[in-house]
N, C-alpha and C. Protein backbone atom coordinates (compact mmCIF):
# COMPACT_ATOMS: atom_id res chain seq x y z
N UNK A 1 84.27 29.87 -8.75
CA UNK A 1 84.22 30.89 -9.97
C UNK A 1 84.87 32.20 -9.70
N UNK A 2 85.70 32.65 -10.56
CA UNK A 2 86.35 33.98 -10.20
C UNK A 2 85.98 34.78 -11.33
N UNK A 3 85.38 35.94 -11.07
CA UNK A 3 85.11 36.99 -12.36
C UNK A 3 86.37 38.15 -12.07
N UNK A 4 86.91 38.57 -13.15
CA UNK A 4 87.79 39.59 -13.10
C UNK A 4 87.12 40.73 -13.74
N UNK A 5 86.75 41.74 -13.03
CA UNK A 5 86.12 42.96 -13.70
C UNK A 5 87.04 44.08 -13.50
N UNK A 6 88.30 43.88 -13.33
CA UNK A 6 89.30 45.00 -13.49
C UNK A 6 89.54 45.52 -14.72
N UNK A 7 89.77 46.84 -15.11
CA UNK A 7 90.07 47.07 -16.43
C UNK A 7 91.10 46.47 -17.24
N UNK A 8 91.41 46.21 -18.35
CA UNK A 8 92.13 45.51 -19.20
C UNK A 8 93.52 46.23 -18.66
N UNK A 9 94.54 45.23 -18.43
CA UNK A 9 95.85 45.88 -17.86
C UNK A 9 96.02 46.33 -16.72
N UNK A 10 94.97 46.53 -16.05
CA UNK A 10 94.96 47.33 -14.62
C UNK A 10 94.83 46.00 -13.59
N UNK A 11 95.97 45.47 -13.02
CA UNK A 11 95.83 44.44 -11.90
C UNK A 11 95.24 44.68 -10.75
N UNK A 12 95.45 45.90 -10.30
CA UNK A 12 94.95 46.50 -9.00
C UNK A 12 93.59 46.54 -8.94
N UNK A 13 93.04 45.97 -7.63
CA UNK A 13 91.63 46.05 -7.78
C UNK A 13 90.97 45.53 -6.23
N UNK A 14 89.68 45.86 -6.15
CA UNK A 14 89.08 45.43 -4.80
C UNK A 14 88.83 44.08 -4.90
N UNK A 15 89.07 43.20 -4.16
CA UNK A 15 89.02 41.67 -4.04
C UNK A 15 87.58 41.70 -2.99
N UNK A 16 86.54 40.97 -3.41
CA UNK A 16 85.40 40.91 -2.78
C UNK A 16 84.96 39.39 -2.99
N UNK A 17 84.23 39.05 -1.79
CA UNK A 17 83.54 37.62 -1.59
C UNK A 17 81.88 37.92 -1.83
N UNK A 18 81.38 37.35 -2.76
CA UNK A 18 79.87 37.42 -2.84
C UNK A 18 79.33 36.15 -2.26
N UNK A 19 78.21 36.61 -1.89
CA UNK A 19 77.29 35.58 -1.24
C UNK A 19 75.79 35.87 -1.54
N UNK A 20 75.09 34.71 -1.15
CA UNK A 20 73.58 34.80 -1.24
C UNK A 20 72.99 34.86 0.12
N UNK A 21 72.20 35.66 0.14
CA UNK A 21 71.15 35.56 1.64
C UNK A 21 69.65 35.85 1.11
N UNK A 22 68.96 34.57 0.99
CA UNK A 22 67.67 34.61 0.19
C UNK A 22 67.98 34.76 -1.08
N UNK A 23 66.98 35.74 -1.84
CA UNK A 23 67.18 35.96 -3.36
C UNK A 23 68.02 37.08 -3.75
N UNK A 24 68.64 37.67 -2.64
CA UNK A 24 69.59 38.69 -2.75
C UNK A 24 71.16 38.32 -2.88
N UNK A 25 71.95 39.03 -3.69
CA UNK A 25 73.33 38.82 -3.50
C UNK A 25 74.08 40.02 -2.76
N UNK A 26 75.10 39.65 -1.90
CA UNK A 26 75.78 40.69 -1.31
C UNK A 26 77.15 40.31 -1.59
N UNK A 27 78.19 41.32 -1.13
CA UNK A 27 79.59 40.87 -1.18
C UNK A 27 80.16 41.76 -0.03
N UNK A 28 81.56 41.34 0.36
CA UNK A 28 82.18 41.98 1.39
C UNK A 28 83.74 41.80 0.82
N UNK A 29 84.42 42.79 1.46
CA UNK A 29 85.85 42.70 1.22
C UNK A 29 86.54 41.68 1.72
N UNK A 30 87.41 40.83 0.79
CA UNK A 30 87.70 39.42 0.92
C UNK A 30 88.91 39.55 2.15
N UNK A 31 89.37 40.78 2.31
CA UNK A 31 90.48 40.74 3.27
C UNK A 31 89.77 40.51 4.79
N UNK A 32 88.51 40.62 4.94
CA UNK A 32 87.81 40.67 6.21
C UNK A 32 87.64 39.08 6.58
N UNK A 33 87.53 38.15 5.28
CA UNK A 33 87.12 36.83 5.55
C UNK A 33 88.62 35.90 6.06
N UNK A 34 88.31 35.30 7.03
CA UNK A 34 89.13 34.22 7.59
C UNK A 34 88.99 32.82 7.21
N UNK A 35 87.71 32.55 7.01
CA UNK A 35 87.55 30.90 6.65
C UNK A 35 86.05 31.00 6.31
N UNK A 36 85.76 29.85 5.69
CA UNK A 36 84.44 29.30 5.50
C UNK A 36 84.15 28.00 5.96
N UNK A 37 82.87 28.06 6.73
CA UNK A 37 82.71 26.78 7.33
C UNK A 37 81.00 26.42 6.99
N UNK A 38 80.94 25.22 6.99
CA UNK A 38 79.50 24.71 6.98
C UNK A 38 78.87 24.96 8.17
N UNK A 39 77.46 24.94 8.10
CA UNK A 39 76.66 25.29 9.36
C UNK A 39 76.74 24.22 10.32
N UNK A 40 76.86 24.46 11.60
CA UNK A 40 76.56 23.71 12.49
C UNK A 40 75.69 24.46 13.70
N UNK A 41 74.87 23.76 14.36
CA UNK A 41 73.89 24.24 15.15
C UNK A 41 74.58 25.14 16.22
N UNK A 42 74.17 26.22 16.63
CA UNK A 42 75.01 27.28 17.56
C UNK A 42 73.91 27.36 18.83
N UNK A 43 74.79 27.42 19.80
CA UNK A 43 74.09 27.44 21.29
C UNK A 43 73.49 28.86 21.39
N UNK A 44 72.18 28.96 21.86
CA UNK A 44 71.81 30.30 22.07
C UNK A 44 72.24 30.95 23.20
N UNK A 45 72.19 32.39 23.23
CA UNK A 45 72.83 33.24 24.23
C UNK A 45 71.52 33.93 24.83
N UNK A 46 71.24 33.78 26.03
CA UNK A 46 70.18 34.64 26.65
C UNK A 46 70.46 36.07 26.44
N UNK A 47 69.31 36.79 26.10
CA UNK A 47 69.40 38.31 25.99
C UNK A 47 70.27 38.72 24.80
N UNK A 48 70.51 37.75 23.81
CA UNK A 48 71.32 38.43 22.58
C UNK A 48 70.30 38.98 21.78
N UNK A 49 70.85 39.97 20.71
CA UNK A 49 69.95 40.63 19.76
C UNK A 49 69.21 39.44 18.94
N UNK A 50 68.36 39.51 18.41
CA UNK A 50 67.43 38.48 17.66
C UNK A 50 68.37 38.07 16.37
N UNK A 51 69.09 39.04 15.89
CA UNK A 51 69.90 38.66 14.67
C UNK A 51 71.08 37.58 15.05
N UNK A 52 71.40 37.36 16.29
CA UNK A 52 72.48 36.70 16.84
C UNK A 52 71.95 35.21 16.97
N UNK A 53 72.31 34.32 16.37
CA UNK A 53 71.65 33.04 16.38
C UNK A 53 72.33 32.26 17.58
N UNK A 54 73.30 32.55 17.97
CA UNK A 54 74.18 32.04 19.05
C UNK A 54 75.45 31.91 18.96
N UNK A 55 76.31 30.89 19.51
CA UNK A 55 77.68 30.93 19.42
C UNK A 55 78.00 29.42 18.96
N UNK A 56 79.01 29.26 18.49
CA UNK A 56 79.58 27.82 18.34
C UNK A 56 81.28 27.84 18.54
N UNK A 57 81.74 26.74 18.84
CA UNK A 57 82.94 26.42 19.29
C UNK A 57 83.92 26.42 18.00
N UNK A 58 84.95 27.49 17.91
CA UNK A 58 85.81 27.39 16.61
C UNK A 58 87.20 27.19 17.22
N UNK A 59 87.56 25.90 17.20
CA UNK A 59 88.79 25.44 17.57
C UNK A 59 89.23 26.04 19.05
N UNK A 60 88.32 25.89 19.80
CA UNK A 60 88.34 26.32 21.22
C UNK A 60 88.10 27.74 21.58
N UNK A 61 87.65 28.55 20.69
CA UNK A 61 87.26 29.92 20.67
C UNK A 61 85.68 30.21 20.48
N UNK A 62 85.00 30.86 21.35
CA UNK A 62 83.80 31.09 21.16
C UNK A 62 83.48 32.13 20.16
N UNK A 63 82.71 31.74 19.04
CA UNK A 63 82.25 32.48 17.80
C UNK A 63 80.84 32.73 17.87
N UNK A 64 80.56 34.13 17.98
CA UNK A 64 79.03 34.50 17.64
C UNK A 64 78.75 34.33 16.21
N UNK A 65 77.64 33.89 16.17
CA UNK A 65 77.01 33.95 14.87
C UNK A 65 75.79 34.94 14.39
N UNK A 66 76.12 35.52 13.48
CA UNK A 66 75.10 36.90 13.04
C UNK A 66 74.34 36.24 11.94
N UNK A 67 73.06 36.00 12.01
CA UNK A 67 72.01 35.61 10.91
C UNK A 67 71.99 36.71 10.19
N UNK A 68 72.58 36.82 8.77
CA UNK A 68 72.38 38.03 8.08
C UNK A 68 71.06 38.40 7.35
N UNK A 69 70.36 37.37 7.33
CA UNK A 69 68.92 37.29 6.95
C UNK A 69 67.98 38.32 7.90
N UNK A 70 68.33 37.77 9.05
CA UNK A 70 67.66 38.83 10.40
C UNK A 70 68.28 40.06 10.45
N UNK A 71 69.49 40.13 10.39
CA UNK A 71 70.13 41.31 10.54
C UNK A 71 69.49 42.42 9.37
N UNK A 72 69.43 41.92 8.25
CA UNK A 72 69.20 42.82 7.28
C UNK A 72 67.73 43.01 7.00
N UNK A 73 66.74 42.40 7.54
CA UNK A 73 65.37 42.38 7.55
C UNK A 73 64.72 41.57 6.38
N UNK A 74 65.60 40.50 6.09
CA UNK A 74 64.98 39.76 4.83
C UNK A 74 64.31 38.45 5.56
N UNK A 75 63.56 37.62 4.43
CA UNK A 75 62.89 36.38 4.66
C UNK A 75 63.90 35.59 5.24
N UNK A 76 63.69 35.00 6.50
CA UNK A 76 64.54 33.93 6.94
C UNK A 76 64.11 32.41 6.59
N UNK A 77 65.39 31.73 6.62
CA UNK A 77 64.94 30.33 6.33
C UNK A 77 65.72 29.48 7.53
N UNK A 78 65.29 28.40 7.77
CA UNK A 78 65.85 27.71 8.89
C UNK A 78 67.32 27.00 8.46
N UNK A 79 68.43 27.42 9.28
CA UNK A 79 69.82 27.13 8.82
C UNK A 79 69.84 25.52 8.72
N UNK A 80 70.44 25.10 7.72
CA UNK A 80 70.60 23.70 7.11
C UNK A 80 72.04 23.47 6.93
N UNK A 81 72.44 22.16 6.34
CA UNK A 81 73.47 21.84 5.76
C UNK A 81 74.05 22.59 4.65
N UNK A 82 73.17 23.18 3.99
CA UNK A 82 73.40 23.97 2.77
C UNK A 82 73.58 25.31 3.22
N UNK A 83 73.66 25.76 4.19
CA UNK A 83 74.04 27.18 4.72
C UNK A 83 75.70 27.33 4.92
N UNK A 84 76.12 28.51 4.85
CA UNK A 84 77.68 28.50 4.89
C UNK A 84 77.82 29.70 6.33
N UNK A 85 78.78 29.36 6.94
CA UNK A 85 79.26 30.58 8.03
C UNK A 85 80.46 31.05 7.28
N UNK A 86 80.60 32.36 7.13
CA UNK A 86 81.85 33.20 6.89
C UNK A 86 82.36 33.84 7.99
N UNK A 87 83.44 33.24 8.23
CA UNK A 87 84.24 33.97 9.67
C UNK A 87 84.90 34.96 9.09
N UNK A 88 84.58 36.07 9.79
CA UNK A 88 85.16 37.45 9.50
C UNK A 88 85.72 38.16 10.46
N UNK A 89 86.64 38.84 10.24
CA UNK A 89 87.37 39.70 11.27
C UNK A 89 86.72 41.02 11.04
N UNK A 90 86.04 41.82 12.12
CA UNK A 90 85.65 42.98 12.02
C UNK A 90 86.07 43.86 13.04
N UNK A 91 87.19 44.61 12.78
CA UNK A 91 87.83 45.23 13.75
C UNK A 91 88.70 44.34 14.71
N UNK A 92 88.26 44.28 15.95
CA UNK A 92 88.95 43.54 16.66
C UNK A 92 88.33 42.20 17.15
N UNK A 93 87.01 42.02 16.40
CA UNK A 93 86.02 40.82 16.61
C UNK A 93 86.12 40.17 15.45
N UNK A 94 85.82 38.64 16.05
CA UNK A 94 86.02 37.67 14.84
C UNK A 94 84.47 37.27 15.16
N UNK A 95 83.57 36.97 13.91
CA UNK A 95 82.30 36.74 14.11
C UNK A 95 81.91 35.64 12.86
N UNK A 96 80.96 35.21 12.90
CA UNK A 96 80.51 34.03 11.94
C UNK A 96 79.34 34.73 11.39
N UNK A 97 79.21 34.91 9.99
CA UNK A 97 77.93 35.32 9.32
C UNK A 97 77.39 34.32 8.60
N UNK A 98 76.19 34.11 9.04
CA UNK A 98 75.34 32.93 8.49
C UNK A 98 74.68 33.36 7.28
N UNK A 99 74.88 32.89 5.97
CA UNK A 99 74.53 32.98 4.61
C UNK A 99 73.79 31.83 4.02
N UNK A 100 73.21 31.94 2.89
CA UNK A 100 72.76 30.73 2.15
C UNK A 100 73.80 29.92 1.38
N UNK A 101 74.61 30.95 0.70
CA UNK A 101 75.77 30.23 -0.14
C UNK A 101 76.66 31.24 -0.30
N UNK A 102 77.89 30.94 -0.68
CA UNK A 102 78.90 31.75 -1.37
C UNK A 102 78.76 31.58 -2.68
N UNK A 103 78.93 32.64 -3.42
CA UNK A 103 78.60 32.49 -4.89
C UNK A 103 79.78 32.90 -5.93
N UNK A 104 80.75 33.69 -5.41
CA UNK A 104 81.67 34.13 -6.20
C UNK A 104 83.02 34.95 -5.36
N UNK A 105 84.03 34.96 -6.07
CA UNK A 105 85.04 35.81 -5.54
C UNK A 105 85.18 36.91 -6.89
N UNK A 106 85.39 38.09 -6.60
CA UNK A 106 85.38 39.25 -7.53
C UNK A 106 86.64 39.88 -7.33
N UNK A 107 87.07 40.41 -8.47
CA UNK A 107 88.05 41.52 -8.41
C UNK A 107 87.55 42.71 -9.38
N UNK A 108 87.40 43.77 -8.48
CA UNK A 108 86.59 44.92 -9.10
C UNK A 108 87.44 46.21 -9.11
N UNK A 109 87.33 46.99 -10.07
CA UNK A 109 87.67 48.40 -9.99
C UNK A 109 86.92 49.14 -9.07
N UNK A 110 87.38 49.73 -8.27
CA UNK A 110 86.64 50.59 -7.36
C UNK A 110 85.60 51.58 -7.99
N UNK A 111 85.94 51.92 -9.24
CA UNK A 111 84.88 52.93 -9.90
C UNK A 111 83.86 52.32 -10.43
N UNK A 112 83.84 51.05 -10.40
CA UNK A 112 82.45 50.32 -10.74
C UNK A 112 81.69 50.35 -9.68
N UNK A 113 81.73 50.60 -8.51
CA UNK A 113 80.76 50.78 -7.45
C UNK A 113 79.82 51.68 -7.56
N UNK A 114 78.69 51.72 -7.67
CA UNK A 114 77.63 52.85 -7.74
C UNK A 114 76.94 53.19 -6.64
N UNK A 115 76.57 54.33 -6.38
CA UNK A 115 75.67 54.64 -5.23
C UNK A 115 74.59 53.69 -5.22
N UNK A 116 74.14 53.60 -3.86
CA UNK A 116 72.53 52.90 -3.96
C UNK A 116 71.52 53.95 -3.99
N UNK A 117 70.75 53.78 -5.17
CA UNK A 117 69.60 54.62 -5.20
C UNK A 117 68.72 54.80 -4.13
N UNK A 118 68.24 55.95 -3.81
CA UNK A 118 67.22 55.91 -2.53
C UNK A 118 65.95 54.97 -2.65
N UNK A 119 65.48 54.79 -3.84
CA UNK A 119 64.16 53.88 -3.92
C UNK A 119 64.45 52.81 -4.01
N UNK A 120 65.70 52.07 -4.31
CA UNK A 120 65.98 50.88 -4.70
C UNK A 120 66.08 49.75 -3.47
N UNK A 121 66.36 50.13 -2.53
CA UNK A 121 66.22 49.01 -1.35
C UNK A 121 65.78 49.54 -0.17
N UNK A 122 65.49 48.68 0.82
CA UNK A 122 64.59 49.12 1.90
C UNK A 122 65.60 50.06 2.86
N UNK A 123 64.90 50.59 3.62
CA UNK A 123 65.57 51.68 4.61
C UNK A 123 66.55 50.95 5.45
N UNK A 124 66.11 49.84 5.82
CA UNK A 124 67.01 48.89 6.85
C UNK A 124 68.19 48.43 6.04
N UNK A 125 68.09 48.00 4.90
CA UNK A 125 69.21 47.43 4.22
C UNK A 125 70.11 48.55 3.69
N UNK A 126 69.50 49.66 3.47
CA UNK A 126 70.41 50.83 2.75
C UNK A 126 71.51 51.20 3.88
N UNK A 127 71.12 51.24 5.13
CA UNK A 127 72.15 51.52 6.39
C UNK A 127 73.23 50.67 6.47
N UNK A 128 73.26 49.53 5.74
CA UNK A 128 74.25 48.57 5.71
C UNK A 128 75.04 48.51 4.38
N UNK A 129 74.30 48.93 3.35
CA UNK A 129 74.77 48.80 2.03
C UNK A 129 75.91 50.01 1.67
N UNK A 130 77.26 49.64 1.13
CA UNK A 130 77.87 50.97 0.70
C UNK A 130 77.64 51.32 -0.55
N UNK A 131 77.13 50.33 -1.55
CA UNK A 131 77.08 50.63 -2.76
C UNK A 131 76.72 49.37 -3.79
N UNK A 132 76.45 49.59 -5.04
CA UNK A 132 75.97 48.50 -5.84
C UNK A 132 77.17 48.28 -7.00
N UNK A 133 77.27 46.94 -7.17
CA UNK A 133 78.20 46.56 -8.18
C UNK A 133 77.38 45.68 -9.30
N UNK A 134 77.33 46.33 -10.67
CA UNK A 134 76.61 45.62 -11.80
C UNK A 134 77.68 44.47 -12.32
N UNK A 135 77.45 43.05 -12.11
CA UNK A 135 78.12 42.12 -12.48
C UNK A 135 77.27 41.12 -13.30
N UNK A 136 77.86 41.10 -14.50
CA UNK A 136 77.18 40.10 -15.52
C UNK A 136 75.46 40.08 -15.42
N UNK A 137 75.04 41.28 -15.61
CA UNK A 137 73.56 41.43 -15.63
C UNK A 137 72.84 41.14 -14.19
N UNK A 138 73.57 41.09 -13.21
CA UNK A 138 72.92 41.25 -11.89
C UNK A 138 73.65 42.50 -11.13
N UNK A 139 72.86 42.55 -9.89
CA UNK A 139 73.47 43.80 -9.20
C UNK A 139 73.77 43.09 -7.67
N UNK A 140 74.83 43.23 -7.39
CA UNK A 140 75.48 42.90 -6.07
C UNK A 140 75.61 43.95 -5.07
N UNK A 141 75.11 43.99 -3.85
CA UNK A 141 75.07 44.86 -2.75
C UNK A 141 76.48 44.97 -2.05
N UNK A 142 77.13 45.87 -1.96
CA UNK A 142 78.59 45.77 -1.15
C UNK A 142 78.00 46.21 0.13
N UNK A 143 78.34 45.17 1.27
CA UNK A 143 77.94 45.28 2.77
C UNK A 143 79.08 45.95 3.32
N UNK A 144 78.80 46.94 4.28
CA UNK A 144 79.86 47.57 5.16
C UNK A 144 79.68 46.98 6.57
N UNK A 145 80.72 45.78 6.60
CA UNK A 145 80.48 45.11 8.08
C UNK A 145 80.58 45.95 9.27
N UNK A 146 81.35 46.87 9.36
CA UNK A 146 81.37 47.86 10.43
C UNK A 146 79.91 48.14 10.72
N UNK A 147 78.91 48.50 9.92
CA UNK A 147 77.59 48.89 10.07
C UNK A 147 76.67 47.77 10.48
N UNK A 148 77.25 46.68 9.81
CA UNK A 148 76.25 45.38 10.19
C UNK A 148 76.48 45.00 11.74
N UNK A 149 77.61 44.94 12.03
CA UNK A 149 77.90 44.51 13.49
C UNK A 149 78.00 45.69 14.44
N UNK A 150 76.86 45.64 15.61
CA UNK A 150 76.99 46.67 16.40
C UNK A 150 78.08 46.57 17.45
N UNK A 151 78.42 47.47 18.08
CA UNK A 151 79.48 47.33 19.12
C UNK A 151 79.25 46.64 20.32
N UNK A 152 77.86 46.03 20.46
CA UNK A 152 77.60 45.27 21.91
C UNK A 152 77.72 43.80 21.49
N UNK A 153 77.90 43.44 20.20
CA UNK A 153 78.24 41.79 20.16
C UNK A 153 79.54 41.44 21.11
N UNK A 154 79.28 40.36 21.84
CA UNK A 154 80.40 40.12 22.57
C UNK A 154 81.48 39.56 21.78
N UNK A 155 82.83 39.96 22.12
CA UNK A 155 83.67 39.33 21.35
C UNK A 155 84.12 37.91 21.66
N UNK A 156 84.84 37.34 20.68
CA UNK A 156 85.18 35.75 20.65
C UNK A 156 86.23 35.92 21.60
N UNK A 157 86.15 34.70 22.34
CA UNK A 157 87.23 34.56 23.34
C UNK A 157 88.47 34.19 22.68
């Protein structure tokens, strides 16, 4: 499903991919997305941060998997075949983002992005959220992937 939220006659807009993590909906700039993959079990990495599920083999390259529920401090669920890995490019690093489901592709006018109210979200999530998008009666949080991924995640080989 694709939603076009750009103003009439204005074809320029920000392209976003929306996805669910638990009961909450988030989105990221679609230009960071390289591909979508189904969940495959990850190999644990000793001493990795708790939000790193492990690594998988992506066509011969090592891909670290970040569990967004853990990273955002949300309720976790055991990864299953219904989960999706969003392969994203963040700076020079390629990582996999474990999410519950991809829900939408959005084209939005940047003026629709609203500031995150101080009392609306937890402090942990607020540091990762750039703003909120009202879409068809629901609110979608725009994630800043540069903040989600700390600089100490190992780069993909």
